Amino acid sequence: MDRMINLKTLLLGGLITVGAMLQCTQAQAGTEKLIVAGGCFWCVESDFESVNGVKGAVSGYIGGAAETAEYKKISKGGTGHYEAVEITFDNKKVSRDQLLHMFFRSVDPTDAGGQFCDRGDSYRTAVFYKNDAQKAAADSAKSSAQQDLGRKVVTPILAAGEFYKAEKYHQDYYKGKKLVLTRFGPKKQSEAYKAYRDACGRDQRVKQLWGKDAPFASK
C-alpha cells in the first residue's frame, strides 16, 4: 500500500512539474490573452486577426452558464452571455494596451443597447479581466477613450468568467468559402460576411465617431 501511495505521489508531482514547465514556456514566449465583446464576434475576430502580433482570435460566449452557451439560446436573449472574442497575442510584438486602444476605437462604446444593427444584451460591448493588472489596463484604456471621444463611454470592465468557444461554423466566418443562403441571395461565407458588415453600418458608425483614429473601418 505504501508503495502505491509513493507511486501516486511521484506521478502527481511529475504532472505538476510538467504543467509548471508548460506555463513557463508560454510566459517566455510572450503569449497573452485578451477577451473583449464588441457586437458581432465575426467582425471583432476579423479585425483583430489582421493585427501584427495577434496569433489568433476565437469567437465565443462569456457571462452566462455552460448550459446556455449556444448560439440559438443566446440569440433569444436572457442568458447573460456576451458574444465575445478571445484574442491570443505575442506581447513582444503588440501590447495589451495597444490592443485595448484599438478595441475601443473599433466599436461604439457609447451604445449600451448593442452594436450597430445588432441589438440586445448579447451584442453589448465589454472588456474582461482576469487579474488586477489587466483590470487596471482596461480601466486606463476606457478613460483614455472617453477623454478622446469627449462623450461618456458605457463599456463595462468585467471580471472574466468561463469563456465558451462558439460553434465551429462561427470560427473564421469572415474568410469561409462555404455557400450559404442569405437575404442577399446565395453567397460564400466571406461574401455574406462583407454584405452583412456593410448593411449593418459598423464601419460607417465607427468612422463617424473616431474618424482617422478608427483602426479597422477603412480596411
Protein backbone atom coordinates (compact mmCIF):
# COMPACT_ATOMS: atom_id res chain seq x y z
CA MET A 1 0.00 0.00 0.00
CA ASP A 2 2.81 2.41 0.91
CA ARG A 3 4.47 1.66 -2.41
CA MET A 4 1.23 2.52 -4.27
CA ILE A 5 0.92 5.79 -2.38
CA ASN A 6 4.52 6.68 -3.19
CA LEU A 7 3.96 5.93 -6.88
CA LYS A 8 0.84 8.11 -6.94
CA THR A 9 2.73 10.90 -5.17
CA LEU A 10 5.58 10.71 -7.69
CA LEU A 11 3.13 10.69 -10.60
CA LEU A 12 1.23 13.70 -9.24
CA GLY A 13 4.47 15.53 -8.64
CA GLY A 14 5.56 14.82 -12.22
CA LEU A 15 2.29 16.14 -13.65
CA ILE A 16 2.57 19.33 -11.59
CA THR A 17 6.13 19.82 -12.82
CA VAL A 18 5.10 19.34 -16.46
CA GLY A 19 2.25 21.82 -16.01
CA ALA A 20 4.59 24.38 -14.49
CA MET A 21 7.05 23.91 -17.36
CA LEU A 22 4.29 24.46 -19.92
CA GLN A 23 3.19 27.66 -18.17
CA CYS A 24 6.78 28.83 -18.02
CA THR A 25 7.28 28.13 -21.73
CA GLN A 26 4.13 30.08 -22.58
CA ALA A 27 5.26 33.03 -20.43
CA GLN A 28 8.71 33.01 -22.05
CA ALA A 29 7.10 33.00 -25.48
CA GLY A 30 5.29 36.21 -24.51
CA THR A 31 1.83 34.80 -25.21
CA GLU A 32 -1.14 36.52 -23.54
CA LYS A 33 -4.90 36.51 -23.98
CA LEU A 34 -7.43 39.34 -24.08
CA ILE A 35 -11.21 38.83 -24.07
CA VAL A 36 -13.44 41.57 -25.45
CA ALA A 37 -17.05 41.88 -26.57
CA GLY A 38 -17.72 44.25 -29.44
CA GLY A 39 -21.01 43.26 -31.00
CA CYS A 40 -20.90 40.64 -33.76
CA PHE A 41 -17.99 38.36 -32.97
CA TRP A 42 -17.36 37.69 -36.66
CA CYS A 43 -16.36 41.34 -37.04
CA VAL A 44 -14.19 41.51 -33.92
CA GLU A 45 -12.41 38.31 -34.93
CA SER A 46 -11.81 39.65 -38.44
CA ASP A 47 -10.49 42.97 -37.16
CA PHE A 48 -8.02 41.64 -34.64
CA GLU A 49 -6.68 38.76 -36.70
CA SER A 50 -5.37 41.46 -39.05
CA VAL A 51 -3.16 42.96 -36.30
CA ASN A 52 0.56 42.19 -36.40
CA GLY A 53 1.41 40.22 -33.27
CA VAL A 54 -2.01 38.64 -32.88
CA LYS A 55 -1.63 34.88 -33.17
CA GLY A 56 -5.33 34.17 -33.46
CA ALA A 57 -8.82 35.08 -32.31
CA VAL A 58 -11.61 32.74 -31.26
CA SER A 59 -15.31 33.61 -31.26
CA GLY A 60 -17.24 32.54 -28.19
CA TYR A 61 -19.54 33.39 -25.32
CA ILE A 62 -18.92 34.73 -21.83
CA GLY A 63 -21.06 35.93 -18.95
CA GLY A 64 -23.57 33.10 -18.70
CA ALA A 65 -23.81 29.43 -17.79
CA ALA A 66 -22.42 26.47 -19.73
CA GLU A 67 -25.84 25.01 -20.49
CA THR A 68 -26.93 28.16 -22.31
CA ALA A 69 -23.67 28.82 -24.19
CA GLU A 70 -25.28 28.05 -27.54
CA TYR A 71 -25.97 30.49 -30.34
CA LYS A 72 -29.68 29.62 -30.70
CA LYS A 73 -30.30 30.10 -26.98
CA ILE A 74 -28.18 33.24 -26.69
CA SER A 75 -29.78 34.91 -29.70
CA LYS A 76 -33.18 34.65 -27.99
CA GLY A 77 -31.87 36.74 -25.09
CA GLY A 78 -31.90 36.35 -21.35
CA THR A 79 -28.90 34.03 -20.93
CA GLY A 80 -26.48 36.69 -19.68
CA HIS A 81 -23.92 35.87 -22.35
CA TYR A 82 -21.98 38.32 -24.48
CA GLU A 83 -20.75 37.44 -27.94
CA ALA A 84 -17.05 37.75 -27.26
CA VAL A 85 -13.65 37.07 -28.79
CA GLU A 86 -10.59 35.64 -27.09
CA ILE A 87 -7.51 37.21 -28.67
CA THR A 88 -4.16 35.44 -28.33
CA PHE A 89 -1.20 37.75 -28.89
CA ASP A 90 2.57 37.97 -28.65
CA ASN A 91 3.27 40.77 -26.20
CA LYS A 92 6.72 41.24 -27.73
CA LYS A 93 5.06 42.40 -30.94
CA VAL A 94 1.89 44.09 -29.69
CA SER A 95 0.94 45.10 -26.16
CA ARG A 96 -2.30 44.70 -24.26
CA ASP A 97 -2.53 48.49 -24.05
CA GLN A 98 -2.28 48.79 -27.84
CA LEU A 99 -4.97 46.18 -28.40
CA LEU A 100 -7.28 47.84 -25.87
CA HIS A 101 -6.70 51.21 -27.54
CA MET A 102 -7.70 49.68 -30.89
CA PHE A 103 -10.68 47.87 -29.40
CA PHE A 104 -12.36 50.97 -28.02
CA ARG A 105 -11.89 52.73 -31.36
CA SER A 106 -13.33 49.81 -33.32
CA VAL A 107 -16.75 49.95 -31.64
CA ASP A 108 -19.36 52.45 -30.47
CA PRO A 109 -18.59 52.46 -26.72
CA THR A 110 -21.37 55.00 -26.10
CA ASP A 111 -24.11 52.49 -27.02
CA ALA A 112 -25.44 50.43 -24.09
CA GLY A 113 -28.11 48.59 -26.11
CA GLY A 114 -25.99 46.62 -28.55
CA GLN A 115 -23.79 47.48 -31.52
CA PHE A 116 -24.84 48.99 -34.81
CA CYS A 117 -27.75 47.00 -36.33
CA ASP A 118 -27.41 44.23 -33.73
CA ARG A 119 -29.49 44.98 -30.67
CA GLY A 120 -29.80 43.19 -27.35
CA ASP A 121 -27.66 42.21 -24.36
CA SER A 122 -25.51 39.67 -26.19
CA TYR A 123 -24.26 42.39 -28.55
CA ARG A 124 -23.15 44.86 -25.88
CA THR A 125 -19.52 45.89 -25.55
CA ALA A 126 -17.31 44.85 -22.62
CA VAL A 127 -13.71 44.17 -21.66
CA PHE A 128 -12.96 41.20 -19.42
CA TYR A 129 -10.07 40.89 -16.99
CA LYS A 130 -8.50 38.04 -15.02
CA ASN A 131 -6.26 39.92 -12.60
CA ASP A 132 -5.66 43.37 -11.14
CA ALA A 133 -3.09 44.33 -13.78
CA GLN A 134 -5.49 43.51 -16.61
CA LYS A 135 -8.25 45.46 -14.91
CA ALA A 136 -6.00 48.49 -14.49
CA ALA A 137 -5.05 48.36 -18.17
CA ALA A 138 -8.71 48.15 -19.22
CA ASP A 139 -9.75 50.99 -16.91
CA SER A 140 -6.96 53.16 -18.30
CA ALA A 141 -7.94 52.40 -21.90
CA LYS A 142 -11.58 53.20 -21.17
CA SER A 143 -10.64 56.51 -19.53
CA SER A 144 -8.44 57.42 -22.50
CA ALA A 145 -11.22 56.59 -24.98
CA GLN A 146 -13.72 58.69 -23.05
CA GLN A 147 -11.34 61.63 -22.94
CA ASP A 148 -10.54 61.41 -26.66
CA LEU A 149 -14.17 61.00 -27.64
CA GLY A 150 -15.50 63.67 -25.31
CA ARG A 151 -18.53 61.54 -24.53
CA LYS A 152 -19.43 59.04 -21.83
CA VAL A 153 -18.13 55.53 -22.53
CA VAL A 154 -20.55 52.92 -21.18
CA THR A 155 -18.47 49.81 -21.96
CA PRO A 156 -18.12 47.90 -18.66
CA ILE A 157 -14.88 46.38 -17.37
CA LEU A 158 -15.87 42.96 -16.00
CA ALA A 159 -14.23 40.06 -14.19
CA ALA A 160 -13.87 37.20 -16.66
CA GLY A 161 -15.85 34.05 -16.06
CA GLU A 162 -15.68 30.95 -18.21
CA PHE A 163 -15.18 31.56 -21.93
CA TYR A 164 -17.09 29.10 -24.13
CA LYS A 165 -15.89 28.61 -27.69
CA ALA A 166 -18.66 29.23 -30.22
CA GLU A 167 -19.85 26.66 -32.72
CA LYS A 168 -17.38 25.64 -35.44
CA TYR A 169 -19.29 27.41 -38.22
CA HIS A 170 -18.79 30.75 -36.47
CA GLN A 171 -14.99 30.47 -36.42
CA ASP A 172 -13.24 32.42 -39.21
CA TYR A 173 -16.62 33.05 -40.80
CA TYR A 174 -15.26 36.17 -42.48
CA LYS A 175 -12.98 34.10 -44.72
CA GLY A 176 -15.13 30.97 -45.16
CA LYS A 177 -15.80 29.53 -48.59
CA LYS A 178 -18.93 27.53 -47.81
CA LEU A 179 -22.01 28.59 -49.76
CA VAL A 180 -24.78 29.96 -47.52
CA LEU A 181 -28.25 31.31 -48.20
CA THR A 182 -28.66 34.93 -47.08
CA ARG A 183 -31.18 37.71 -47.57
CA PHE A 184 -28.75 38.93 -50.24
CA GLY A 185 -29.07 35.58 -52.04
CA PRO A 186 -26.67 32.57 -52.09
CA LYS A 187 -23.14 33.68 -51.24
CA LYS A 188 -19.86 32.34 -49.98
CA GLN A 189 -19.45 32.95 -46.25
CA SER A 190 -16.77 35.58 -46.89
CA GLU A 191 -19.08 37.43 -49.28
CA ALA A 192 -22.04 37.09 -46.91
CA TYR A 193 -19.91 38.49 -44.09
CA LYS A 194 -18.91 41.54 -46.10
CA ALA A 195 -22.50 42.16 -47.20
CA TYR A 196 -23.68 41.88 -43.58
CA ARG A 197 -20.97 44.18 -42.27
CA ASP A 198 -21.73 46.83 -44.89
CA ALA A 199 -25.51 46.61 -44.34
CA CYS A 200 -25.13 46.76 -40.56
CA GLY A 201 -23.34 50.12 -40.75
CA ARG A 202 -20.47 49.11 -38.47
CA ASP A 203 -17.67 50.88 -40.32
CA GLN A 204 -19.77 53.92 -41.12
CA ARG A 205 -20.63 54.49 -37.46
CA VAL A 206 -17.08 53.86 -36.26
CA LYS A 207 -15.74 56.37 -38.81
CA GLN A 208 -18.35 58.87 -37.68
CA LEU A 209 -17.25 58.52 -34.06
CA TRP A 210 -13.49 58.07 -34.36
CA GLY A 211 -12.55 59.48 -37.77
CA LYS A 212 -8.92 58.77 -38.69
CA ASP A 213 -8.36 57.09 -35.30
CA ALA A 214 -10.60 54.16 -36.28
CA PRO A 215 -8.09 51.30 -36.81
CA PHE A 216 -10.19 48.93 -38.94
CA ALA A 217 -13.04 50.90 -40.52
CA SER A 218 -11.17 51.75 -43.69
CA LYS A 219 -9.98 48.21 -44.47
